[in-house]
C-alpha atoms as a PDB file:
ATOM      1  CA  MET A   1      -0.031  -0.025  -0.017  1.00  0.00           C
ATOM      2  CA  PRO A   2       1.277   3.454  -0.756  1.00  0.00           C
ATOM      3  CA  GLU A   3       2.414   5.445   2.205  1.00  0.00           C
ATOM      4  CA  LYS A   4       0.279   8.329   3.370  1.00  0.00           C
ATOM      5  CA  PRO A   5       1.942  11.665   2.817  1.00  0.00           C
ATOM      6  CA  GLN A   6       3.314  13.002   6.140  1.00  0.00           C
ATOM      7  CA  GLN A   7       1.796  16.303   7.213  1.00  0.00           C
ATOM      8  CA  LYS A   8       4.249  19.124   7.493  1.00  0.00           C
ATOM      9  CA  LYS A   9       4.924  20.110  11.055  1.00  0.00           C
ATOM     10  CA  MET A  10       4.125  23.696  11.884  1.00  0.00           C
ATOM     11  CA  PRO A  11       4.833  24.037  15.711  1.00  0.00           C
ATOM     12  CA  PHE A  12       3.145  27.266  16.065  1.00  0.00           C
ATOM     13  CA  PHE A  13       0.106  26.535  13.984  1.00  0.00           C
ATOM     14  CA  THR A  14      -0.798  23.012  15.094  1.00  0.00           C
ATOM     15  CA  ILE A  15      -4.214  22.644  16.687  1.00  0.00           C
ATOM     16  CA  GLY A  16      -3.974  22.194  20.425  1.00  0.00           C
ATOM     17  CA  ASN A  17      -0.310  22.888  20.442  1.00  0.00           C
ATOM     18  CA  LYS A  18       1.097  25.024  23.327  1.00  0.00           C
ATOM     19  CA  VAL A  19       4.151  27.230  23.265  1.00  0.00           C
ATOM     20  CA  GLY A  20       6.595  25.500  25.542  1.00  0.00           C
ATOM     21  CA  HIS A  21       9.394  28.028  26.036  1.00  0.00           C
ATOM     22  CA  PRO A  22       8.521  30.604  28.729  1.00  0.00           C
ATOM     23  CA  ALA A  23      10.472  33.363  27.027  1.00  0.00           C
ATOM     24  CA  VAL A  24       8.473  32.895  23.736  1.00  0.00           C
ATOM     25  CA  ARG A  25       5.255  33.050  25.748  1.00  0.00           C
ATOM     26  CA  VAL A  26       6.286  36.270  27.362  1.00  0.00           C
ATOM     27  CA  ILE A  27       7.339  37.859  24.078  1.00  0.00           C
ATOM     28  CA  LEU A  28       4.005  36.822  22.334  1.00  0.00           C
ATOM     29  CA  GLY A  29       2.068  38.165  25.280  1.00  0.00           C
ATOM     30  CA  ILE A  30       3.636  41.699  25.151  1.00  0.00           C
ATOM     31  CA  ILE A  31       3.853  42.146  21.376  1.00  0.00           C
ATOM     32  CA  LEU A  32       0.375  43.683  20.937  1.00  0.00           C
ATOM     33  CA  PHE A  33       0.686  45.806  24.078  1.00  0.00           C
ATOM     34  CA  VAL A  34       4.062  47.222  22.635  1.00  0.00           C
ATOM     35  CA  LEU A  35       2.379  47.864  19.231  1.00  0.00           C
ATOM     36  CA  ILE A  36      -0.644  49.620  20.784  1.00  0.00           C
ATOM     37  CA  ILE A  37       1.519  51.793  23.101  1.00  0.00           C
ATOM     38  CA  GLY A  38       3.947  52.573  20.271  1.00  0.00           C
ATOM     39  CA  ALA A  39       1.133  53.576  17.956  1.00  0.00           C
ATOM     40  CA  TYR A  40      -0.487  55.783  20.623  1.00  0.00           C
ATOM     41  CA  SER A  41       2.941  57.408  21.545  1.00  0.00           C
ATOM     42  CA  TYR A  42       3.609  58.186  17.890  1.00  0.00           C
ATOM     43  CA  THR A  43       0.163  59.674  17.324  1.00  0.00           C
ATOM     44  CA  SER A  44       0.533  61.789  20.516  1.00  0.00           C
ATOM     45  CA  TYR A  45       4.024  62.985  19.345  1.00  0.00           C
ATOM     46  CA  VAL A  46       2.717  64.025  15.955  1.00  0.00           C
ATOM     47  CA  ARG A  47      -0.288  65.871  17.288  1.00  0.00           C
ATOM     48  CA  HIS A  48       1.804  67.736  19.942  1.00  0.00           C
ATOM     49  CA  LEU A  49       4.228  68.878  17.194  1.00  0.00           C
ATOM     50  CA  GLU A  50       1.268  70.582  15.498  1.00  0.00           C
ATOM     51  CA  ASN A  51      -0.327  71.789  18.731  1.00  0.00           C
ATOM     52  CA  PRO A  52       1.753  71.586  21.919  1.00  0.00           C
ATOM     53  CA  LYS A  53      -1.457  72.218  24.066  1.00  0.00           C
ATOM     54  CA  ASP A  54      -3.355  69.331  22.512  1.00  0.00           C
ATOM     55  CA  ARG A  55      -5.482  67.359  25.110  1.00  0.00           C
ATOM     56  CA  MET A  56      -7.178  64.862  22.928  1.00  0.00           C
ATOM     57  CA  VAL A  57      -4.134  62.506  22.890  1.00  0.00           C
ATOM     58  CA  PRO A  58      -2.124  63.376  25.963  1.00  0.00           C
ATOM     59  CA  THR A  59       1.497  62.637  26.358  1.00  0.00           C
ATOM     60  CA  LEU A  60       2.972  60.557  29.187  1.00  0.00           C
ATOM     61  CA  PHE A  61       3.775  63.607  31.140  1.00  0.00           C
ATOM     62  CA  GLN A  62       0.120  64.880  30.848  1.00  0.00           C
ATOM     63  CA  ILE A  63      -1.159  61.446  31.918  1.00  0.00           C
ATOM     64  CA  ILE A  64       1.179  61.580  35.017  1.00  0.00           C
ATOM     65  CA  ASP A  65      -0.208  65.107  35.816  1.00  0.00           C
ATOM     66  CA  GLY A  66      -3.639  63.579  35.756  1.00  0.00           C
ATOM     67  CA  VAL A  67      -2.622  60.740  38.049  1.00  0.00           C
ATOM     68  CA  LYS A  68      -1.243  63.358  40.530  1.00  0.00           C
ATOM     69  CA  GLU A  69      -4.590  65.172  40.364  1.00  0.00           C
ATOM     70  CA  THR A  70      -6.595  62.189  41.346  1.00  0.00           C
ATOM     71  CA  PHE A  71      -4.511  61.762  44.453  1.00  0.00           C
ATOM     72  CA  SER A  72      -5.589  65.234  45.688  1.00  0.00           C
ATOM     73  CA  PHE A  73      -7.485  65.464  48.915  1.00  0.00           C
ATOM     74  CA  LYS A  74     -11.100  66.717  49.318  1.00  0.00           C
ATOM     75  CA  ASN A  75     -10.148  68.723  52.283  1.00  0.00           C
ATOM     76  CA  ASP A  76      -6.521  70.133  52.140  1.00  0.00           C
ATOM     77  CA  GLU A  77      -6.705  71.396  55.610  1.00  0.00           C
ATOM     78  CA  ALA A  78      -7.217  67.935  57.170  1.00  0.00           C
ATOM     79  CA  PRO A  79      -5.863  65.456  54.635  1.00  0.00           C
ATOM     80  CA  SER A  80      -6.867  61.784  55.041  1.00  0.00           C
ATOM     81  CA  PHE A  81      -6.156  58.700  52.953  1.00  0.00           C
ATOM     82  CA  TRP A  82      -9.818  58.119  52.437  1.00  0.00           C
ATOM     83  CA  GLU A  83     -10.370  61.668  51.238  1.00  0.00           C
ATOM     84  CA  MET A  84      -8.249  61.245  48.160  1.00  0.00           C
ATOM     85  CA  ARG A  85     -10.137  61.546  44.937  1.00  0.00           C
ATOM     86  CA  ILE A  86      -9.190  58.197  43.493  1.00  0.00           C
ATOM     87  CA  ILE A  87      -9.646  56.288  46.794  1.00  0.00           C
ATOM     88  CA  ARG A  88     -13.218  57.728  47.129  1.00  0.00           C
ATOM     89  CA  ASP A  89     -14.022  56.730  43.499  1.00  0.00           C
ATOM     90  CA  VAL A  90     -12.521  53.286  43.666  1.00  0.00           C
ATOM     91  CA  SER A  91     -14.213  52.454  47.004  1.00  0.00           C
ATOM     92  CA  ALA A  92     -17.564  53.760  45.891  1.00  0.00           C
ATOM     93  CA  SER A  93     -17.413  51.713  42.564  1.00  0.00           C
ATOM     94  CA  LEU A  94     -16.180  48.518  44.323  1.00  0.00           C
ATOM     95  CA  ARG A  95     -18.890  48.811  46.883  1.00  0.00           C
ATOM     96  CA  ARG A  96     -21.576  48.980  44.225  1.00  0.00           C
ATOM     97  CA  ILE A  97     -20.271  46.254  42.010  1.00  0.00           C
ATOM     98  CA  ILE A  98     -19.572  43.848  44.953  1.00  0.00           C
ATOM     99  CA  ILE A  99     -23.060  44.256  46.361  1.00  0.00           C
ATOM    100  CA  ALA A 100     -24.708  43.962  42.962  1.00  0.00           C
ATOM    101  CA  MET A 101     -22.711  40.897  41.903  1.00  0.00           C
ATOM    102  CA  ALA A 102     -23.420  39.242  45.388  1.00  0.00           C
ATOM    103  CA  ILE A 103     -27.173  39.660  44.776  1.00  0.00           C
ATOM    104  CA  SER A 104     -26.972  38.512  41.242  1.00  0.00           C
ATOM    105  CA  VAL A 105     -24.981  35.421  42.010  1.00  0.00           C
ATOM    106  CA  ILE A 106     -27.121  34.417  44.978  1.00  0.00           C
ATOM    107  CA  LEU A 107     -30.329  34.774  43.142  1.00  0.00           C
ATOM    108  CA  SER A 108     -29.088  33.117  39.904  1.00  0.00           C
ATOM    109  CA  VAL A 109     -27.688  30.058  41.639  1.00  0.00           C
ATOM    110  CA  PHE A 110     -30.761  29.650  43.898  1.00  0.00           C
ATOM    111  CA  ILE A 111     -33.212  30.030  41.027  1.00  0.00           C
ATOM    112  CA  GLY A 112     -31.121  28.197  38.425  1.00  0.00           C
ATOM    113  CA  LEU A 113     -30.371  25.261  40.719  1.00  0.00           C
ATOM    114  CA  TYR A 114     -33.948  24.720  41.825  1.00  0.00           C
ATOM    115  CA  SER A 115     -35.456  25.326  38.390  1.00  0.00           C
ATOM    116  CA  ALA A 116     -33.127  22.781  36.706  1.00  0.00           C
ATOM    117  CA  SER A 117     -33.789  20.249  39.468  1.00  0.00           C
ATOM    118  CA  PHE A 118     -37.561  20.324  39.972  1.00  0.00           C
ATOM    119  CA  GLY A 119     -40.192  20.494  37.204  1.00  0.00           C
ATOM    120  CA  PHE A 120     -42.462  22.659  39.218  1.00  0.00           C
ATOM    121  CA  PHE A 121     -39.832  25.471  39.531  1.00  0.00           C
ATOM    122  CA  ASP A 122     -38.717  24.927  35.952  1.00  0.00           C
ATOM    123  CA  ASN A 123     -42.231  25.569  34.593  1.00  0.00           C
ATOM    124  CA  LEU A 124     -42.769  28.442  36.990  1.00  0.00           C
ATOM    125  CA  ASN A 125     -39.529  30.353  36.482  1.00  0.00           C
ATOM    126  CA  MET A 126     -37.863  29.600  33.266  1.00  0.00           C
ATOM    127  CA  PRO A 127     -40.553  30.811  30.734  1.00  0.00           C
ATOM    128  CA  LEU A 128     -40.326  34.312  32.300  1.00  0.00           C
ATOM    129  CA  ILE A 129     -36.570  34.215  32.506  1.00  0.00           C
ATOM    130  CA  ARG A 130     -36.098  33.009  28.975  1.00  0.00           C
ATOM    131  CA  SER A 131     -38.400  35.782  27.746  1.00  0.00           C
ATOM    132  CA  PHE A 132     -36.575  38.541  29.783  1.00  0.00           C
ATOM    133  CA  SER A 133     -33.169  37.168  28.669  1.00  0.00           C
ATOM    134  CA  PHE A 134     -33.939  38.250  25.055  1.00  0.00           C
ATOM    135  CA  ILE A 135     -34.340  41.871  26.253  1.00  0.00           C
ATOM    136  CA  PRO A 136     -31.096  43.798  25.720  1.00  0.00           C
ATOM    137  CA  PRO A 137     -30.259  44.964  29.370  1.00  0.00           C
ATOM    138  CA  ILE A 138     -29.409  48.425  28.023  1.00  0.00           C
ATOM    139  CA  ALA A 139     -33.163  48.803  27.082  1.00  0.00           C
ATOM    140  CA  LEU A 140     -34.122  48.461  30.814  1.00  0.00           C
ATOM    141  CA  LEU A 141     -32.044  51.400  31.802  1.00  0.00           C
ATOM    142  CA  PRO A 142     -34.634  54.107  31.107  1.00  0.00           C
ATOM    143  CA  LEU A 143     -37.178  52.226  33.188  1.00  0.00           C
ATOM    144  CA  ILE A 144     -34.796  51.786  36.040  1.00  0.00           C
ATOM    145  CA  PHE A 145     -33.828  55.420  35.947  1.00  0.00           C
ATOM    146  CA  VAL A 146     -37.508  56.533  36.027  1.00  0.00           C
ATOM    147  CA  TRP A 147     -38.724  54.054  38.656  1.00  0.00           C
ATOM    148  CA  LEU A 148     -35.705  54.245  40.981  1.00  0.00           C
ATOM    149  CA  GLY A 149     -34.622  57.753  40.197  1.00  0.00           C
ATOM    150  CA  LYS A 150     -35.277  58.820  43.773  1.00  0.00           C
ATOM    151  CA  TRP A 151     -32.883  56.170  45.109  1.00  0.00           C
ATOM    152  CA  PRO A 152     -29.808  56.588  42.901  1.00  0.00           C
ATOM    153  CA  GLU A 153     -27.721  54.106  44.836  1.00  0.00           C
ATOM    154  CA  ALA A 154     -30.248  51.340  44.635  1.00  0.00           C
ATOM    155  CA  ALA A 155     -30.810  52.093  40.968  1.00  0.00           C
ATOM    156  CA  LYS A 156     -27.088  51.696  40.211  1.00  0.00           C
ATOM    157  CA  ILE A 157     -27.165  48.192  41.846  1.00  0.00           C
ATOM    158  CA  VAL A 158     -30.315  47.215  40.063  1.00  0.00           C
ATOM    159  CA  VAL A 159     -28.744  48.222  36.730  1.00  0.00           C
ATOM    160  CA  ILE A 160     -25.820  45.852  37.363  1.00  0.00           C
ATOM    161  CA  VAL A 161     -28.067  43.025  38.574  1.00  0.00           C
ATOM    162  CA  ALA A 162     -30.254  43.347  35.481  1.00  0.00           C
ATOM    163  CA  GLY A 163     -27.191  43.243  33.288  1.00  0.00           C
ATOM    164  CA  THR A 164     -25.778  40.064  34.799  1.00  0.00           C
ATOM    165  CA  PHE A 165     -28.599  38.109  36.371  1.00  0.00           C
ATOM    166  CA  PHE A 166     -30.235  36.537  33.235  1.00  0.00           C
ATOM    167  CA  VAL A 167     -26.869  35.392  31.862  1.00  0.00           C
ATOM    168  CA  LEU A 168     -25.876  33.828  35.223  1.00  0.00           C
ATOM    169  CA  VAL A 169     -29.141  32.044  35.850  1.00  0.00           C
ATOM    170  CA  THR A 170     -29.445  30.645  32.440  1.00  0.00           C
ATOM    171  CA  ASP A 171     -25.770  29.366  32.684  1.00  0.00           C
ATOM    172  CA  THR A 172     -26.454  27.778  36.096  1.00  0.00           C
ATOM    173  CA  TYR A 173     -29.638  26.180  34.849  1.00  0.00           C
ATOM    174  CA  MET A 174     -27.761  24.594  31.912  1.00  0.00           C
ATOM    175  CA  ARG A 175     -24.911  23.393  34.036  1.00  0.00           C
ATOM    176  CA  VAL A 176     -27.243  21.710  36.472  1.00  0.00           C
ATOM    177  CA  LYS A 177     -29.041  20.046  33.620  1.00  0.00           C
ATOM    178  CA  GLN A 178     -25.668  18.485  32.547  1.00  0.00           C
ATOM    179  CA  VAL A 179     -24.961  16.878  35.881  1.00  0.00           C
ATOM    180  CA  PRO A 180     -24.661  13.049  35.166  1.00  0.00           C
ATOM    181  CA  LYS A 181     -27.727  11.278  36.464  1.00  0.00           C
ATOM    182  CA  LYS A 182     -25.666   8.366  37.845  1.00  0.00           C
ATOM    183  CA  LEU A 183     -24.268  10.784  40.462  1.00  0.00           C
ATOM    184  CA  ILE A 184     -27.775  11.770  41.580  1.00  0.00           C
ATOM    185  CA  ASP A 185     -28.778   8.031  41.663  1.00  0.00           C
ATOM    186  CA  LYS A 186     -25.739   7.140  43.737  1.00  0.00           C
ATOM    187  CA  GLY A 187     -26.700   9.853  46.208  1.00  0.00           C
ATOM    188  CA  TYR A 188     -30.114   8.542  46.641  1.00  0.00           C
ATOM    189  CA  THR A 189     -28.714   4.888  46.910  1.00  0.00           C
ATOM    190  CA  LEU A 190     -26.435   5.919  49.653  1.00  0.00           C
ATOM    191  CA  GLY A 191     -29.407   7.270  51.583  1.00  0.00           C
ATOM    192  CA  ALA A 192     -29.077  11.005  51.003  1.00  0.00           C
ATOM    193  CA  SER A 193     -32.143  13.124  51.143  1.00  0.00           C
ATOM    194  CA  THR A 194     -33.249  15.342  48.185  1.00  0.00           C
ATOM    195  CA  LEU A 195     -31.806  18.448  49.735  1.00  0.00           C
ATOM    196  CA  GLU A 196     -28.511  16.654  50.504  1.00  0.00           C
ATOM    197  CA  VAL A 197     -28.217  15.419  46.876  1.00  0.00           C
ATOM    198  CA  LEU A 198     -29.089  18.924  45.621  1.00  0.00           C
ATOM    199  CA  HIS A 199     -26.634  20.820  47.755  1.00  0.00           C
ATOM    200  CA  LYS A 200     -23.817  18.206  48.290  1.00  0.00           C
ATOM    201  CA  ILE A 201     -23.764  16.605  44.874  1.00  0.00           C
ATOM    202  CA  VAL A 202     -25.397  18.796  42.254  1.00  0.00           C
ATOM    203  CA  LEU A 203     -24.360  22.158  43.529  1.00  0.00           C
ATOM    204  CA  ARG A 204     -20.776  20.876  44.299  1.00  0.00           C
ATOM    205  CA  TYR A 205     -20.509  19.388  40.781  1.00  0.00           C
ATOM    206  CA  THR A 206     -21.578  22.649  39.023  1.00  0.00           C
ATOM    207  CA  LEU A 207     -19.783  25.037  41.486  1.00  0.00           C
ATOM    208  CA  PRO A 208     -16.508  25.303  39.344  1.00  0.00           C
ATOM    209  CA  GLY A 209     -18.383  26.177  36.234  1.00  0.00           C
ATOM    210  CA  ILE A 210     -20.539  28.749  38.038  1.00  0.00           C
ATOM    211  CA  ILE A 211     -17.495  30.504  39.398  1.00  0.00           C
ATOM    212  CA  GLU A 212     -16.064  30.639  35.880  1.00  0.00           C
ATOM    213  CA  SER A 213     -19.246  32.109  34.665  1.00  0.00           C
ATOM    214  CA  VAL A 214     -19.023  34.813  37.426  1.00  0.00           C
ATOM    215  CA  ARG A 215     -15.499  35.679  36.125  1.00  0.00           C
ATOM    216  CA  LEU A 216     -16.889  36.199  32.736  1.00  0.00           C
ATOM    217  CA  ALA A 217     -19.945  38.123  34.081  1.00  0.00           C
ATOM    218  CA  MET A 218     -17.674  40.711  35.688  1.00  0.00           C
ATOM    219  CA  THR A 219     -17.056  42.315  32.320  1.00  0.00           C
ATOM    220  CA  PRO A 220     -20.734  43.413  31.697  1.00  0.00           C
ATOM    221  CA  ALA A 221     -20.875  44.219  35.346  1.00  0.00           C
ATOM    222  CA  TRP A 222     -18.308  46.840  34.853  1.00  0.00           C
ATOM    223  CA  ILE A 223     -20.004  48.154  31.736  1.00  0.00           C
ATOM    224  CA  PHE A 224     -23.321  48.662  33.503  1.00  0.00           C
ATOM    225  CA  LEU A 225     -21.600  50.093  36.560  1.00  0.00           C
ATOM    226  CA  ILE A 226     -19.928  52.727  34.493  1.00  0.00           C
ATOM    227  CA  ALA A 227     -23.091  53.410  32.487  1.00  0.00           C
ATOM    228  CA  ALA A 228     -25.057  53.886  35.809  1.00  0.00           C
ATOM    229  CA  GLU A 229     -22.454  56.192  37.267  1.00  0.00           C
ATOM    230  CA  PHE A 230     -22.474  58.242  34.095  1.00  0.00           C
ATOM    231  CA  SER A 231     -26.263  58.656  34.167  1.00  0.00           C
ATOM    232  CA  LEU A 232     -27.486  58.528  37.732  1.00  0.00           C
ATOM    233  CA  PRO A 233     -26.835  61.312  40.362  1.00  0.00           C
ATOM    234  CA  THR A 234     -23.759  60.793  42.504  1.00  0.00           C
ATOM    235  CA  THR A 235     -20.655  62.488  43.772  1.00  0.00           C
ATOM    236  CA  GLU A 236     -18.302  59.463  43.822  1.00  0.00           C
ATOM    237  CA  GLY A 237     -17.328  56.645  41.470  1.00  0.00           C
ATOM    238  CA  LEU A 238     -14.967  55.887  38.637  1.00  0.00           C
ATOM    239  CA  GLY A 239     -17.640  56.493  35.953  1.00  0.00           C
ATOM    240  CA  TYR A 240     -18.855  59.619  37.593  1.00  0.00           C
ATOM    241  CA  TYR A 241     -15.453  61.274  37.607  1.00  0.00           C
ATOM    242  CA  MET A 242     -14.628  60.121  34.115  1.00  0.00           C
ATOM    243  CA  ASN A 243     -17.912  61.872  33.043  1.00  0.00           C
ATOM    244  CA  VAL A 244     -16.953  65.023  35.014  1.00  0.00           C
ATOM    245  CA  VAL A 245     -13.474  65.386  33.371  1.00  0.00           C
ATOM    246  CA  ARG A 246     -14.869  64.410  29.977  1.00  0.00           C
ATOM    247  CA  ARG A 247     -16.564  67.850  29.890  1.00  0.00           C
ATOM    248  CA  GLN A 248     -13.217  69.427  30.448  1.00  0.00           C
ATOM    249  CA  LEU A 249     -11.407  67.290  27.886  1.00  0.00           C
ATOM    250  CA  GLY A 250      -9.510  65.521  30.717  1.00  0.00           C
ATOM    251  CA  VAL A 251      -8.484  62.591  28.497  1.00  0.00           C
ATOM    252  CA  ASN A 252      -5.367  62.153  30.644  1.00  0.00           C
ATOM    253  CA  ILE A 253      -7.503  61.277  33.672  1.00  0.00           C
ATOM    254  CA  ILE A 254      -9.878  59.181  31.625  1.00  0.00           C
ATOM    255  CA  LEU A 255      -7.039  57.008  30.363  1.00  0.00           C
ATOM    256  CA  TRP A 256      -5.699  56.679  33.958  1.00  0.00           C
ATOM    257  CA  TYR A 257      -9.149  55.594  35.264  1.00  0.00           C
ATOM    258  CA  ILE A 258      -9.398  53.075  32.473  1.00  0.00           C
ATOM    259  CA  LEU A 259      -6.117  51.596  33.573  1.00  0.00           C
ATOM    260  CA  VAL A 260      -7.362  51.570  37.174  1.00  0.00           C
ATOM    261  CA  ILE A 261     -10.496  49.610  36.014  1.00  0.00           C
ATOM    262  CA  VAL A 262      -8.255  47.180  34.214  1.00  0.00           C
ATOM    263  CA  ILE A 263      -6.024  46.584  37.189  1.00  0.00           C
ATOM    264  CA  ILE A 264      -9.000  46.078  39.573  1.00  0.00           C
ATOM    265  CA  GLY A 265     -10.571  43.799  37.090  1.00  0.00           C
ATOM    266  CA  ILE A 266      -7.446  41.673  36.780  1.00  0.00           C
ATOM    267  CA  ILE A 267      -7.207  41.503  40.616  1.00  0.00           C
ATOM    268  CA  ILE A 268     -10.803  40.416  40.982  1.00  0.00           C
ATOM    269  CA  ASP A 269     -10.430  37.836  38.258  1.00  0.00           C
ATOM    270  CA  LYS A 270      -7.323  36.406  39.887  1.00  0.00           C
ATOM    271  CA  ILE A 271      -9.029  36.191  43.291  1.00  0.00           C
ATOM    272  CA  LEU A 272     -12.039  34.374  41.790  1.00  0.00           C
ATOM    273  CA  LYS A 273      -9.733  32.006  39.917  1.00  0.00           C
ATOM    274  CA  THR A 274      -7.741  31.274  43.040  1.00  0.00           C
ATOM    275  CA  ILE A 275     -10.884  30.614  45.081  1.00  0.00           C
ATOM    276  CA  ASN A 276     -12.106  28.277  42.426  1.00  0.00           C
ATOM    277  CA  VAL A 277      -8.878  26.276  42.244  1.00  0.00           C
ATOM    278  CA  VAL A 278      -8.530  26.093  46.027  1.00  0.00           C
ATOM    279  CA  THR A 279     -12.055  24.950  46.751  1.00  0.00           C
ATOM    280  CA  ASN A 280     -12.506  22.737  43.747  1.00  0.00           C
ATOM    281  CA  LYS A 281      -9.189  20.890  43.428  1.00  0.00           C
ATOM    282  CA  TRP A 282     -10.978  17.718  42.218  1.00  0.00           C
ATOM    283  CA  TYR A 283     -12.121  19.575  39.165  1.00  0.00           C
ATOM    284  CA  PHE A 284      -8.776  21.075  38.205  1.00  0.00           C
ATOM    285  CA  SER A 285      -6.833  17.938  38.861  1.00  0.00           C
ATOM    286  CA  LYS A 286      -8.662  16.067  36.170  1.00  0.00           C
END
């Protein structure tokens, strides 16, 4: 029989192949960052040659000046760490997003778990949830602003919950449906009650995937947080202050706050990933 032609090996473009050398991984990881920063720096340089007072594409020194401005105190006569502009904005935004995501996760896990496990709750809850999940969350913002305008803090939290709940509850529902039936049968065979099977087997089996879904849901959570802080009355928050300096063409501060959001997002993502790995070693050891 004729020999089959051997496939040419292309180490970087073989499906499923991983880059083995750490140095190569690092270089590949920073290439796009370097290109973006280089393109921005060149654009800024060219614009400032034409107009040294240009604020649309600030230079590095202008951005540093913006950073210094955000570390100013609300009351210069009695300076306090918690009175710094950036600390007030970060703490306000973090408080809102943590409260909102806690509410969203608790509701979605509870409703998704019970709806996927019991036909009664499935028929009661899921038709409404499926219908609302097709509504773009951004379309609900005007209603939330009108109905909860008198309570701006509550409105901001509701905006984030509305933007994340339907995705999380649908994902939880689908993950519970995928639990192998043999695990449930084994639980009953060993004498476990329905609630024990539900919480100690079904929930435990789906928990790693749920945490991964929460990690992904943090991105829309930030989007809706910034949108709410842009639109609703407040005096603190990353989105609020970005909106304030936008009117003054404070692009240097906007860029700095975007970087702050990225850093906070990475930290939260790493925390969630660590919690998932530590609490669900059985899943990541497979």
